[in-house]
Amino acid sequence: MLIERIYDEDLAQAAWLIGCQATGEALLIDPERDICRYLEIAEKAGLTITAVTETHIHADFLSGCIEFATSTGAKCFLSGHGGDDWSYSWPKNSGVSVAYVKDGDTFSVGNITVKVVHTPGHTPEHICFLIHDANTEDPIGYVTGDFVFVGDLGRPDLLETSAGMKGVMVASAQQLHNTCLRFMDMEDYVQIWPAHGAGSSCGKDLG
């Protein structure tokens, strides 16, 4: 398995390339709109990005999922949570291959198994991904998006303070609390792979 963090210093944002070297297939998580650099990195590693996903609907940068789907034919795996008020609209009538995934769902990229975990709080539809290598029951990594960072959590107030959705901050904080309680059951050996580093507004105390 190949695991590579592709980091944008200007946005303090990380995409994750997860590749199965046995089959040459790869999954890309949380890409930005400029997809060329991801394609170049994958090609140098001998991989083809056949699947693309994101942890949530991003407000701080333009997602590259639709570009990947339309330009390369990669299959999109998007959150099926969030309800009518907070769900994806662009796949409608787009003609791209999209699978909506929910908590507990799994999908495969080569010999790698990806398990979906619903982690609301930062946003209602937010999901994370447990990464399992071939023939292993235990995950080796957890792609946490804007849920868990190094030294902080994703902010539950941004939908109200930045996106103008009135009256959702307290409910979001309660959701985040419940998500954290579930996260505490994670085994200590599982590596955490977040979407942001120091400088991002998505976590107040990132340093």
N, C-alpha and C. Protein backbone atom coordinates (compact mmCIF):
# COMPACT_ATOMS: atom_id res chain seq x y z
N MET A 1 0.84 -1.19 0.00
CA MET A 1 0.00 0.00 0.00
C MET A 1 0.87 1.25 0.00
N LEU A 2 0.48 2.23 -0.80
CA LEU A 2 1.15 3.53 -0.80
C LEU A 2 0.21 4.55 -0.17
N ILE A 3 0.75 5.35 0.74
CA ILE A 3 -0.02 6.40 1.40
C ILE A 3 0.76 7.69 1.24
N GLU A 4 0.17 8.69 0.62
CA GLU A 4 0.89 9.95 0.43
C GLU A 4 -0.02 11.13 0.75
N ARG A 5 0.49 12.01 1.59
CA ARG A 5 -0.20 13.25 1.88
C ARG A 5 0.24 14.29 0.86
N ILE A 6 -0.71 14.94 0.22
CA ILE A 6 -0.44 15.97 -0.78
C ILE A 6 -0.92 17.29 -0.18
N TYR A 7 0.02 18.13 0.23
CA TYR A 7 -0.30 19.26 1.09
C TYR A 7 -0.19 20.59 0.35
N ASP A 8 -1.19 21.45 0.55
CA ASP A 8 -1.21 22.80 0.01
C ASP A 8 -0.88 23.76 1.15
N GLU A 9 0.32 24.32 1.13
CA GLU A 9 0.76 25.20 2.21
C GLU A 9 -0.10 26.45 2.31
N ASP A 10 -0.56 26.97 1.17
CA ASP A 10 -1.35 28.20 1.18
C ASP A 10 -2.68 28.02 1.90
N LEU A 11 -3.30 26.87 1.72
CA LEU A 11 -4.60 26.61 2.35
C LEU A 11 -4.48 25.75 3.60
N ALA A 12 -3.26 25.30 3.90
CA ALA A 12 -3.05 24.36 5.02
C ALA A 12 -3.99 23.17 4.88
N GLN A 13 -4.10 22.66 3.65
CA GLN A 13 -5.06 21.60 3.34
C GLN A 13 -4.34 20.38 2.79
N ALA A 14 -4.79 19.20 3.22
CA ALA A 14 -4.16 17.95 2.78
C ALA A 14 -5.16 17.07 2.06
N ALA A 15 -4.75 16.58 0.90
CA ALA A 15 -5.44 15.48 0.24
C ALA A 15 -4.64 14.21 0.51
N TRP A 16 -5.31 13.08 0.44
CA TRP A 16 -4.64 11.81 0.72
C TRP A 16 -4.78 10.86 -0.46
N LEU A 17 -3.64 10.37 -0.93
CA LEU A 17 -3.59 9.39 -2.01
C LEU A 17 -3.33 8.02 -1.38
N ILE A 18 -4.27 7.11 -1.54
CA ILE A 18 -4.16 5.76 -0.98
C ILE A 18 -4.11 4.79 -2.15
N GLY A 19 -2.97 4.14 -2.36
CA GLY A 19 -2.79 3.31 -3.55
C GLY A 19 -2.55 1.85 -3.25
N CYS A 20 -3.15 0.99 -4.06
CA CYS A 20 -2.89 -0.45 -3.99
C CYS A 20 -1.82 -0.76 -5.04
N GLN A 21 -0.62 -1.02 -4.59
CA GLN A 21 0.49 -1.25 -5.52
C GLN A 21 0.38 -2.59 -6.24
N ALA A 22 -0.40 -3.50 -5.69
CA ALA A 22 -0.58 -4.81 -6.34
C ALA A 22 -1.41 -4.69 -7.62
N THR A 23 -2.40 -3.79 -7.61
CA THR A 23 -3.29 -3.65 -8.77
C THR A 23 -3.07 -2.36 -9.54
N GLY A 24 -2.36 -1.41 -8.93
CA GLY A 24 -2.13 -0.13 -9.59
C GLY A 24 -3.28 0.85 -9.47
N GLU A 25 -4.28 0.54 -8.63
CA GLU A 25 -5.43 1.42 -8.45
C GLU A 25 -5.23 2.30 -7.22
N ALA A 26 -5.85 3.48 -7.24
CA ALA A 26 -5.68 4.40 -6.12
C ALA A 26 -6.97 5.16 -5.84
N LEU A 27 -7.11 5.54 -4.58
CA LEU A 27 -8.19 6.40 -4.10
C LEU A 27 -7.60 7.74 -3.71
N LEU A 28 -8.27 8.82 -4.12
CA LEU A 28 -7.86 10.17 -3.73
C LEU A 28 -8.96 10.78 -2.87
N ILE A 29 -8.55 11.31 -1.71
CA ILE A 29 -9.51 11.86 -0.75
C ILE A 29 -9.27 13.36 -0.59
N ASP A 30 -10.33 14.13 -0.70
CA ASP A 30 -10.33 15.59 -0.50
C ASP A 30 -9.40 16.34 -1.46
N PRO A 31 -9.52 16.10 -2.77
CA PRO A 31 -8.70 16.85 -3.72
C PRO A 31 -9.22 18.27 -3.95
N GLU A 32 -8.31 19.17 -4.27
CA GLU A 32 -8.69 20.50 -4.73
C GLU A 32 -8.99 20.45 -6.23
N ARG A 33 -9.46 21.60 -6.76
CA ARG A 33 -9.96 21.62 -8.13
C ARG A 33 -8.87 21.40 -9.17
N ASP A 34 -7.64 21.86 -8.88
CA ASP A 34 -6.53 21.65 -9.82
C ASP A 34 -6.06 20.21 -9.70
N ILE A 35 -6.55 19.36 -10.60
CA ILE A 35 -6.31 17.92 -10.45
C ILE A 35 -4.99 17.47 -11.08
N CYS A 36 -4.32 18.34 -11.82
CA CYS A 36 -3.13 17.91 -12.57
C CYS A 36 -2.03 17.39 -11.65
N ARG A 37 -1.80 18.06 -10.53
CA ARG A 37 -0.70 17.63 -9.65
C ARG A 37 -0.97 16.26 -9.04
N TYR A 38 -2.24 15.97 -8.77
CA TYR A 38 -2.57 14.64 -8.23
C TYR A 38 -2.33 13.55 -9.27
N LEU A 39 -2.71 13.85 -10.50
CA LEU A 39 -2.50 12.89 -11.58
C LEU A 39 -1.01 12.63 -11.80
N GLU A 40 -0.20 13.69 -11.72
CA GLU A 40 1.24 13.55 -11.91
C GLU A 40 1.86 12.71 -10.79
N ILE A 41 1.46 12.96 -9.56
CA ILE A 41 2.00 12.20 -8.43
C ILE A 41 1.61 10.74 -8.54
N ALA A 42 0.36 10.48 -8.91
CA ALA A 42 -0.09 9.09 -9.06
C ALA A 42 0.67 8.39 -10.18
N GLU A 43 0.86 9.09 -11.29
CA GLU A 43 1.57 8.48 -12.43
C GLU A 43 3.00 8.12 -12.06
N LYS A 44 3.68 9.01 -11.33
CA LYS A 44 5.05 8.73 -10.91
C LYS A 44 5.12 7.51 -10.00
N ALA A 45 4.05 7.27 -9.27
CA ALA A 45 4.01 6.12 -8.36
C ALA A 45 3.50 4.86 -9.05
N GLY A 46 3.20 4.97 -10.34
CA GLY A 46 2.69 3.82 -11.08
C GLY A 46 1.25 3.49 -10.76
N LEU A 47 0.47 4.51 -10.39
CA LEU A 47 -0.91 4.30 -9.98
C LEU A 47 -1.88 5.05 -10.89
N THR A 48 -3.09 4.53 -10.98
CA THR A 48 -4.19 5.20 -11.66
C THR A 48 -5.28 5.50 -10.64
N ILE A 49 -5.69 6.75 -10.56
CA ILE A 49 -6.75 7.13 -9.62
C ILE A 49 -8.09 6.69 -10.19
N THR A 50 -8.63 5.63 -9.63
CA THR A 50 -9.89 5.07 -10.12
C THR A 50 -11.08 5.46 -9.24
N ALA A 51 -10.81 6.02 -8.07
CA ALA A 51 -11.88 6.42 -7.16
C ALA A 51 -11.49 7.72 -6.47
N VAL A 52 -12.48 8.55 -6.24
CA VAL A 52 -12.24 9.84 -5.59
C VAL A 52 -13.38 10.10 -4.61
N THR A 53 -13.04 10.73 -3.50
CA THR A 53 -14.06 11.02 -2.50
C THR A 53 -13.67 12.26 -1.71
N GLU A 54 -14.57 12.70 -0.87
CA GLU A 54 -14.25 13.79 0.05
C GLU A 54 -15.00 13.57 1.36
N THR A 55 -14.43 14.12 2.41
CA THR A 55 -15.00 13.89 3.73
C THR A 55 -16.26 14.71 3.98
N HIS A 56 -16.39 15.84 3.28
CA HIS A 56 -17.56 16.70 3.47
C HIS A 56 -17.59 17.75 2.37
N ILE A 57 -18.66 18.52 2.35
CA ILE A 57 -18.78 19.63 1.40
C ILE A 57 -17.87 20.76 1.90
N HIS A 58 -16.91 21.13 1.09
CA HIS A 58 -15.89 22.09 1.51
C HIS A 58 -16.32 23.53 1.22
N ALA A 59 -16.08 24.41 2.19
CA ALA A 59 -16.36 25.83 2.01
C ALA A 59 -15.09 26.65 1.83
N ASP A 60 -13.93 26.07 2.17
CA ASP A 60 -12.69 26.84 2.15
C ASP A 60 -11.87 26.62 0.88
N PHE A 61 -12.29 25.70 0.01
CA PHE A 61 -11.64 25.54 -1.29
C PHE A 61 -12.59 24.82 -2.22
N LEU A 62 -12.29 24.88 -3.53
CA LEU A 62 -13.11 24.22 -4.53
C LEU A 62 -12.69 22.77 -4.67
N SER A 63 -13.63 21.88 -4.52
CA SER A 63 -13.35 20.44 -4.59
C SER A 63 -13.01 20.03 -6.02
N GLY A 64 -12.15 19.01 -6.12
CA GLY A 64 -11.78 18.47 -7.43
C GLY A 64 -12.54 17.22 -7.82
N CYS A 65 -13.53 16.82 -7.02
CA CYS A 65 -14.22 15.57 -7.30
C CYS A 65 -14.90 15.57 -8.67
N ILE A 66 -15.61 16.65 -8.99
CA ILE A 66 -16.34 16.67 -10.25
C ILE A 66 -15.37 16.69 -11.43
N GLU A 67 -14.22 17.38 -11.27
CA GLU A 67 -13.22 17.39 -12.35
C GLU A 67 -12.66 16.00 -12.57
N PHE A 68 -12.37 15.29 -11.51
CA PHE A 68 -11.87 13.92 -11.66
C PHE A 68 -12.89 13.04 -12.34
N ALA A 69 -14.12 13.14 -11.90
CA ALA A 69 -15.16 12.28 -12.45
C ALA A 69 -15.39 12.54 -13.93
N THR A 70 -15.42 13.80 -14.31
CA THR A 70 -15.70 14.13 -15.71
C THR A 70 -14.47 13.96 -16.60
N SER A 71 -13.29 14.19 -16.06
CA SER A 71 -12.07 14.15 -16.89
C SER A 71 -11.46 12.76 -16.99
N THR A 72 -11.57 11.97 -15.93
CA THR A 72 -10.88 10.68 -15.90
C THR A 72 -11.81 9.48 -15.81
N GLY A 73 -13.06 9.72 -15.48
CA GLY A 73 -13.98 8.60 -15.31
C GLY A 73 -13.88 7.93 -13.95
N ALA A 74 -13.11 8.52 -13.04
CA ALA A 74 -13.00 7.96 -11.69
C ALA A 74 -14.37 7.96 -11.02
N LYS A 75 -14.64 6.94 -10.24
CA LYS A 75 -15.92 6.85 -9.54
C LYS A 75 -15.88 7.71 -8.29
N CYS A 76 -16.94 8.46 -8.05
CA CYS A 76 -17.05 9.31 -6.87
C CYS A 76 -17.82 8.60 -5.77
N PHE A 77 -17.28 8.65 -4.57
CA PHE A 77 -17.98 8.16 -3.39
C PHE A 77 -18.26 9.37 -2.50
N LEU A 78 -19.53 9.72 -2.34
CA LEU A 78 -19.92 10.92 -1.61
C LEU A 78 -20.84 10.56 -0.45
N SER A 79 -20.85 11.42 0.56
CA SER A 79 -21.67 11.18 1.73
C SER A 79 -23.16 11.16 1.37
N GLY A 80 -23.84 10.16 1.88
CA GLY A 80 -25.28 10.08 1.72
C GLY A 80 -26.03 10.64 2.91
N HIS A 81 -25.30 11.24 3.84
CA HIS A 81 -25.91 11.87 5.02
C HIS A 81 -26.14 13.36 4.75
N GLY A 82 -26.81 14.02 5.65
CA GLY A 82 -26.99 15.47 5.57
C GLY A 82 -28.40 15.92 5.29
N GLY A 83 -29.22 15.05 4.69
CA GLY A 83 -30.60 15.43 4.42
C GLY A 83 -30.71 16.42 3.27
N ASP A 84 -31.92 16.92 3.05
CA ASP A 84 -32.18 17.82 1.93
C ASP A 84 -31.47 19.16 2.08
N ASP A 85 -31.24 19.59 3.32
CA ASP A 85 -30.66 20.91 3.54
C ASP A 85 -29.15 20.94 3.37
N TRP A 86 -28.50 19.77 3.40
CA TRP A 86 -27.04 19.77 3.34
C TRP A 86 -26.57 18.52 2.60
N SER A 87 -26.82 18.51 1.31
CA SER A 87 -26.45 17.36 0.49
C SER A 87 -25.89 17.85 -0.84
N TYR A 88 -25.31 16.94 -1.59
CA TYR A 88 -24.66 17.29 -2.86
C TYR A 88 -25.70 17.52 -3.95
N SER A 89 -25.51 18.60 -4.70
CA SER A 89 -26.42 18.89 -5.82
C SER A 89 -25.76 18.68 -7.17
N TRP A 90 -24.43 18.81 -7.25
CA TRP A 90 -23.78 18.78 -8.56
C TRP A 90 -23.89 17.45 -9.29
N PRO A 91 -23.98 16.30 -8.61
CA PRO A 91 -24.05 15.05 -9.39
C PRO A 91 -25.32 14.89 -10.21
N LYS A 92 -26.38 15.63 -9.86
CA LYS A 92 -27.64 15.48 -10.58
C LYS A 92 -27.47 15.86 -12.04
N ASN A 93 -27.85 14.96 -12.91
CA ASN A 93 -27.78 15.17 -14.37
C ASN A 93 -26.35 15.40 -14.87
N SER A 94 -25.34 15.00 -14.08
CA SER A 94 -23.95 15.21 -14.50
C SER A 94 -23.44 14.07 -15.37
N GLY A 95 -24.07 12.91 -15.24
CA GLY A 95 -23.63 11.76 -16.03
C GLY A 95 -22.42 11.04 -15.47
N VAL A 96 -21.93 11.48 -14.30
CA VAL A 96 -20.75 10.83 -13.72
C VAL A 96 -21.19 9.68 -12.82
N SER A 97 -20.25 8.78 -12.54
CA SER A 97 -20.53 7.63 -11.69
C SER A 97 -20.37 8.02 -10.23
N VAL A 98 -21.49 8.05 -9.51
CA VAL A 98 -21.48 8.47 -8.11
C VAL A 98 -22.15 7.41 -7.25
N ALA A 99 -21.50 7.08 -6.14
CA ALA A 99 -22.10 6.20 -5.13
C ALA A 99 -22.22 6.99 -3.84
N TYR A 100 -23.42 7.02 -3.28
CA TYR A 100 -23.64 7.70 -2.01
C TYR A 100 -23.47 6.68 -0.88
N VAL A 101 -22.56 6.99 0.03
CA VAL A 101 -22.20 6.03 1.08
C VAL A 101 -22.62 6.57 2.45
N LYS A 102 -22.92 5.63 3.33
CA LYS A 102 -23.35 5.98 4.68
C LYS A 102 -22.56 5.18 5.71
N ASP A 103 -22.80 5.51 6.96
CA ASP A 103 -22.08 4.90 8.07
C ASP A 103 -22.12 3.38 8.00
N GLY A 104 -20.94 2.77 8.06
CA GLY A 104 -20.83 1.32 8.02
C GLY A 104 -20.64 0.73 6.64
N ASP A 105 -20.87 1.52 5.59
CA ASP A 105 -20.65 1.02 4.23
C ASP A 105 -19.16 0.80 3.99
N THR A 106 -18.85 -0.11 3.09
CA THR A 106 -17.47 -0.34 2.67
C THR A 106 -17.39 -0.35 1.15
N PHE A 107 -16.22 0.01 0.65
CA PHE A 107 -15.94 -0.15 -0.78
C PHE A 107 -14.46 -0.48 -0.93
N SER A 108 -14.10 -1.01 -2.08
CA SER A 108 -12.73 -1.47 -2.30
C SER A 108 -12.07 -0.69 -3.42
N VAL A 109 -10.79 -0.47 -3.25
CA VAL A 109 -9.93 0.09 -4.31
C VAL A 109 -8.74 -0.84 -4.41
N GLY A 110 -8.71 -1.65 -5.46
CA GLY A 110 -7.72 -2.72 -5.51
C GLY A 110 -7.96 -3.68 -4.36
N ASN A 111 -6.90 -3.96 -3.61
CA ASN A 111 -7.00 -4.85 -2.45
C ASN A 111 -7.22 -4.10 -1.14
N ILE A 112 -7.46 -2.82 -1.23
CA ILE A 112 -7.68 -1.99 -0.05
C ILE A 112 -9.18 -1.86 0.21
N THR A 113 -9.55 -2.02 1.47
CA THR A 113 -10.95 -1.85 1.86
C THR A 113 -11.10 -0.55 2.63
N VAL A 114 -12.12 0.22 2.28
CA VAL A 114 -12.39 1.50 2.92
C VAL A 114 -13.75 1.41 3.62
N LYS A 115 -13.75 1.71 4.92
CA LYS A 115 -15.00 1.70 5.68
C LYS A 115 -15.41 3.12 6.02
N VAL A 116 -16.67 3.42 5.79
CA VAL A 116 -17.21 4.76 5.99
C VAL A 116 -17.72 4.91 7.43
N VAL A 117 -17.37 6.04 8.04
CA VAL A 117 -17.86 6.36 9.39
C VAL A 117 -18.50 7.75 9.35
N HIS A 118 -19.76 7.85 9.73
CA HIS A 118 -20.43 9.15 9.77
C HIS A 118 -19.97 9.90 11.01
N THR A 119 -19.44 11.12 10.81
CA THR A 119 -18.86 11.90 11.90
C THR A 119 -19.41 13.33 11.87
N PRO A 120 -20.69 13.52 12.13
CA PRO A 120 -21.26 14.87 12.08
C PRO A 120 -20.76 15.74 13.22
N GLY A 121 -20.85 17.04 13.01
CA GLY A 121 -20.42 18.01 14.01
C GLY A 121 -19.86 19.24 13.33
N HIS A 122 -18.80 19.06 12.55
CA HIS A 122 -18.27 20.16 11.74
C HIS A 122 -19.29 20.51 10.66
N THR A 123 -19.80 19.49 9.98
CA THR A 123 -20.93 19.62 9.07
C THR A 123 -21.81 18.38 9.25
N PRO A 124 -23.10 18.48 8.87
CA PRO A 124 -24.00 17.34 9.12
C PRO A 124 -23.67 16.09 8.33
N GLU A 125 -23.12 16.25 7.13
CA GLU A 125 -22.88 15.10 6.24
C GLU A 125 -21.48 14.52 6.39
N HIS A 126 -20.67 15.07 7.25
CA HIS A 126 -19.25 14.72 7.34
C HIS A 126 -19.05 13.22 7.56
N ILE A 127 -18.14 12.65 6.79
CA ILE A 127 -17.76 11.25 6.94
C ILE A 127 -16.25 11.12 7.02
N CYS A 128 -15.79 10.06 7.66
CA CYS A 128 -14.37 9.71 7.71
C CYS A 128 -14.19 8.32 7.13
N PHE A 129 -12.93 7.94 6.92
CA PHE A 129 -12.65 6.68 6.24
C PHE A 129 -11.61 5.87 7.00
N LEU A 130 -11.98 4.66 7.39
CA LEU A 130 -11.04 3.71 7.96
C LEU A 130 -10.42 2.90 6.83
N ILE A 131 -9.09 2.87 6.79
CA ILE A 131 -8.37 2.23 5.69
C ILE A 131 -7.82 0.88 6.17
N HIS A 132 -8.22 -0.18 5.45
CA HIS A 132 -7.78 -1.54 5.76
C HIS A 132 -6.92 -2.07 4.62
N ASP A 133 -5.74 -2.57 4.93
CA ASP A 133 -4.90 -3.20 3.92
C ASP A 133 -5.44 -4.60 3.64
N ALA A 134 -4.92 -5.21 2.58
CA ALA A 134 -5.39 -6.53 2.17
C ALA A 134 -5.22 -7.55 3.29
N ASN A 135 -6.27 -8.34 3.49
CA ASN A 135 -6.24 -9.47 4.43
C ASN A 135 -6.01 -9.06 5.88
N THR A 136 -6.40 -7.83 6.23
CA THR A 136 -6.29 -7.39 7.62
C THR A 136 -7.66 -6.93 8.11
N GLU A 137 -8.04 -7.41 9.28
CA GLU A 137 -9.32 -7.00 9.84
C GLU A 137 -9.23 -5.64 10.52
N ASP A 138 -8.05 -5.31 11.04
CA ASP A 138 -7.89 -4.06 11.77
C ASP A 138 -7.44 -2.94 10.84
N PRO A 139 -7.97 -1.73 11.00
CA PRO A 139 -7.56 -0.61 10.15
C PRO A 139 -6.15 -0.15 10.50
N ILE A 140 -5.48 0.42 9.51
CA ILE A 140 -4.16 0.98 9.78
C ILE A 140 -4.21 2.50 9.85
N GLY A 141 -5.22 3.11 9.25
CA GLY A 141 -5.31 4.56 9.23
C GLY A 141 -6.75 5.03 9.21
N TYR A 142 -6.92 6.28 9.62
CA TYR A 142 -8.24 6.90 9.71
C TYR A 142 -8.15 8.28 9.10
N VAL A 143 -8.75 8.45 7.92
CA VAL A 143 -8.76 9.76 7.25
C VAL A 143 -9.90 10.56 7.87
N THR A 144 -9.54 11.60 8.63
CA THR A 144 -10.52 12.26 9.49
C THR A 144 -11.08 13.56 8.94
N GLY A 145 -10.58 14.02 7.79
CA GLY A 145 -11.14 15.25 7.22
C GLY A 145 -11.04 16.40 8.18
N ASP A 146 -12.18 17.08 8.41
CA ASP A 146 -12.22 18.22 9.32
C ASP A 146 -12.82 17.85 10.67
N PHE A 147 -12.81 16.57 11.00
CA PHE A 147 -13.29 16.13 12.31
C PHE A 147 -12.18 16.24 13.36
N VAL A 148 -11.09 15.52 13.16
CA VAL A 148 -9.98 15.52 14.12
C VAL A 148 -8.72 16.01 13.44
N PHE A 149 -8.07 16.99 14.06
CA PHE A 149 -6.77 17.48 13.60
C PHE A 149 -5.71 17.09 14.64
N VAL A 150 -4.48 17.51 14.39
CA VAL A 150 -3.43 17.33 15.40
C VAL A 150 -3.58 18.46 16.41
N GLY A 151 -4.08 18.14 17.58
CA GLY A 151 -4.23 19.13 18.64
C GLY A 151 -5.53 19.88 18.66
N ASP A 152 -6.50 19.51 17.83
CA ASP A 152 -7.76 20.25 17.80
C ASP A 152 -8.84 19.42 17.13
N LEU A 153 -10.06 19.95 17.18
CA LEU A 153 -11.20 19.37 16.50
C LEU A 153 -11.74 20.36 15.48
N GLY A 154 -12.47 19.85 14.50
CA GLY A 154 -13.12 20.73 13.54
C GLY A 154 -14.17 21.59 14.23
N ARG A 155 -14.27 22.82 13.81
CA ARG A 155 -15.17 23.76 14.47
C ARG A 155 -16.64 23.46 14.16
N PRO A 156 -17.49 23.41 15.19
CA PRO A 156 -18.91 23.19 14.96
C PRO A 156 -19.70 24.48 14.77
N ASP A 157 -19.03 25.63 14.84
CA ASP A 157 -19.73 26.91 14.77
C ASP A 157 -19.75 27.53 13.38
N LEU A 158 -19.00 26.97 12.43
CA LEU A 158 -18.80 27.65 11.15
C LEU A 158 -20.06 27.72 10.30
N LEU A 159 -20.94 26.72 10.40
CA LEU A 159 -22.16 26.79 9.61
C LEU A 159 -23.01 27.99 10.00
N GLU A 160 -22.96 28.35 11.27
CA GLU A 160 -23.75 29.50 11.73
C GLU A 160 -23.00 30.81 11.56
N THR A 161 -21.72 30.84 11.94
CA THR A 161 -20.98 32.10 11.92
C THR A 161 -20.49 32.48 10.53
N SER A 162 -20.23 31.50 9.68
CA SER A 162 -19.69 31.80 8.35
C SER A 162 -20.66 31.52 7.21
N ALA A 163 -21.46 30.46 7.35
CA ALA A 163 -22.39 30.10 6.28
C ALA A 163 -23.78 30.68 6.49
N GLY A 164 -24.03 31.29 7.64
CA GLY A 164 -25.30 31.97 7.86
C GLY A 164 -26.48 31.08 8.16
N MET A 165 -26.22 29.84 8.57
CA MET A 165 -27.32 28.92 8.92
C MET A 165 -27.67 29.15 10.39
N LYS A 166 -28.76 29.85 10.63
CA LYS A 166 -29.11 30.27 11.99
C LYS A 166 -29.58 29.10 12.85
N GLY A 167 -29.14 29.13 14.11
CA GLY A 167 -29.65 28.20 15.10
C GLY A 167 -29.10 26.79 15.03
N VAL A 168 -27.97 26.59 14.36
CA VAL A 168 -27.45 25.23 14.21
C VAL A 168 -26.20 24.97 15.05
N MET A 169 -25.63 26.02 15.64
CA MET A 169 -24.34 25.86 16.31
C MET A 169 -24.41 24.91 17.51
N VAL A 170 -25.42 25.06 18.34
CA VAL A 170 -25.53 24.21 19.53
C VAL A 170 -25.75 22.76 19.13
N ALA A 171 -26.64 22.55 18.17
CA ALA A 171 -26.90 21.18 17.70
C ALA A 171 -25.64 20.57 17.09
N SER A 172 -24.87 21.37 16.35
CA SER A 172 -23.63 20.88 15.75
C SER A 172 -22.62 20.51 16.82
N ALA A 173 -22.54 21.33 17.88
CA ALA A 173 -21.61 21.03 18.98
C ALA A 173 -22.02 19.73 19.69
N GLN A 174 -23.31 19.52 19.84
CA GLN A 174 -23.78 18.28 20.46
C GLN A 174 -23.45 17.07 19.58
N GLN A 175 -23.62 17.24 18.28
CA GLN A 175 -23.25 16.16 17.35
C GLN A 175 -21.77 15.87 17.43
N LEU A 176 -20.95 16.92 17.48
CA LEU A 176 -19.50 16.74 17.55
C LEU A 176 -19.12 16.01 18.84
N HIS A 177 -19.77 16.35 19.94
CA HIS A 177 -19.50 15.67 21.21
C HIS A 177 -19.79 14.18 21.09
N ASN A 178 -20.92 13.83 20.51
CA ASN A 178 -21.27 12.42 20.34
C ASN A 178 -20.29 11.71 19.41
N THR A 179 -19.86 12.41 18.38
CA THR A 179 -18.87 11.84 17.46
C THR A 179 -17.55 11.58 18.17
N CYS A 180 -17.16 12.49 19.06
CA CYS A 180 -15.92 12.31 19.82
C CYS A 180 -16.02 11.11 20.76
N LEU A 181 -17.17 10.91 21.37
CA LEU A 181 -17.34 9.75 22.25
C LEU A 181 -17.15 8.46 21.48
N ARG A 182 -17.65 8.43 20.28
CA ARG A 182 -17.49 7.24 19.44
C ARG A 182 -16.02 7.07 19.04
N PHE A 183 -15.36 8.18 18.76
CA PHE A 183 -13.97 8.17 18.33
C PHE A 183 -13.06 7.62 19.43
N MET A 184 -13.43 7.81 20.67
CA MET A 184 -12.59 7.37 21.79
C MET A 184 -12.46 5.86 21.87
N ASP A 185 -13.30 5.14 21.15
CA ASP A 185 -13.19 3.68 21.11
C ASP A 185 -12.14 3.20 20.11
N MET A 186 -11.56 4.14 19.35
CA MET A 186 -10.56 3.77 18.36
C MET A 186 -9.31 3.20 19.03
N GLU A 187 -8.75 2.16 18.44
CA GLU A 187 -7.52 1.58 18.97
C GLU A 187 -6.36 2.57 18.84
N ASP A 188 -5.44 2.53 19.80
CA ASP A 188 -4.35 3.51 19.85
C ASP A 188 -3.40 3.39 18.66
N TYR A 189 -3.30 2.22 18.05
CA TYR A 189 -2.33 2.03 16.97
C TYR A 189 -2.79 2.61 15.63
N VAL A 190 -4.05 3.00 15.53
CA VAL A 190 -4.56 3.52 14.26
C VAL A 190 -4.02 4.93 14.02
N GLN A 191 -3.39 5.14 12.87
CA GLN A 191 -2.84 6.45 12.53
C GLN A 191 -3.97 7.39 12.11
N ILE A 192 -3.83 8.67 12.48
CA ILE A 192 -4.83 9.68 12.15
C ILE A 192 -4.28 10.55 11.02
N TRP A 193 -5.06 10.67 9.95
CA TRP A 193 -4.65 11.43 8.76
C TRP A 193 -5.67 12.54 8.51
N PRO A 194 -5.43 13.76 9.04
CA PRO A 194 -6.39 14.85 8.94
C PRO A 194 -6.26 15.65 7.65
N ALA A 195 -7.22 16.55 7.45
CA ALA A 195 -7.28 17.34 6.22
C ALA A 195 -6.66 18.72 6.35
N HIS A 196 -6.29 19.13 7.56
CA HIS A 196 -5.75 20.48 7.73
C HIS A 196 -4.59 20.48 8.72
N GLY A 197 -3.74 21.49 8.55
CA GLY A 197 -2.65 21.75 9.48
C GLY A 197 -2.72 23.17 9.98
N ALA A 198 -1.65 23.64 10.59
CA ALA A 198 -1.60 24.99 11.16
C ALA A 198 -1.88 26.03 10.08
N GLY A 199 -2.74 26.98 10.42
CA GLY A 199 -3.10 28.04 9.49
C GLY A 199 -4.51 27.94 8.96
N SER A 200 -5.14 26.80 9.15
CA SER A 200 -6.52 26.62 8.69
C SER A 200 -7.50 27.21 9.69
N SER A 201 -8.55 27.85 9.18
CA SER A 201 -9.59 28.40 10.05
C SER A 201 -10.55 27.33 10.54
N CYS A 202 -10.42 26.11 10.03
CA CYS A 202 -11.35 25.05 10.41
C CYS A 202 -11.10 24.52 11.81
N GLY A 203 -9.92 24.83 12.35
CA GLY A 203 -9.61 24.48 13.74
C GLY A 203 -8.96 25.69 14.40
N LYS A 204 -9.54 26.18 15.48
CA LYS A 204 -9.06 27.43 16.08
C LYS A 204 -7.66 27.33 16.66
N ASP A 205 -7.31 26.18 17.19
CA ASP A 205 -6.08 26.05 17.98
C ASP A 205 -4.99 25.25 17.29
N LEU A 206 -5.06 25.15 15.96
CA LEU A 206 -3.99 24.45 15.25
C LEU A 206 -2.74 25.29 15.30
N GLY A 207 -1.63 24.68 15.71
CA GLY A 207 -0.40 25.45 15.83
C GLY A 207 0.78 24.71 15.29
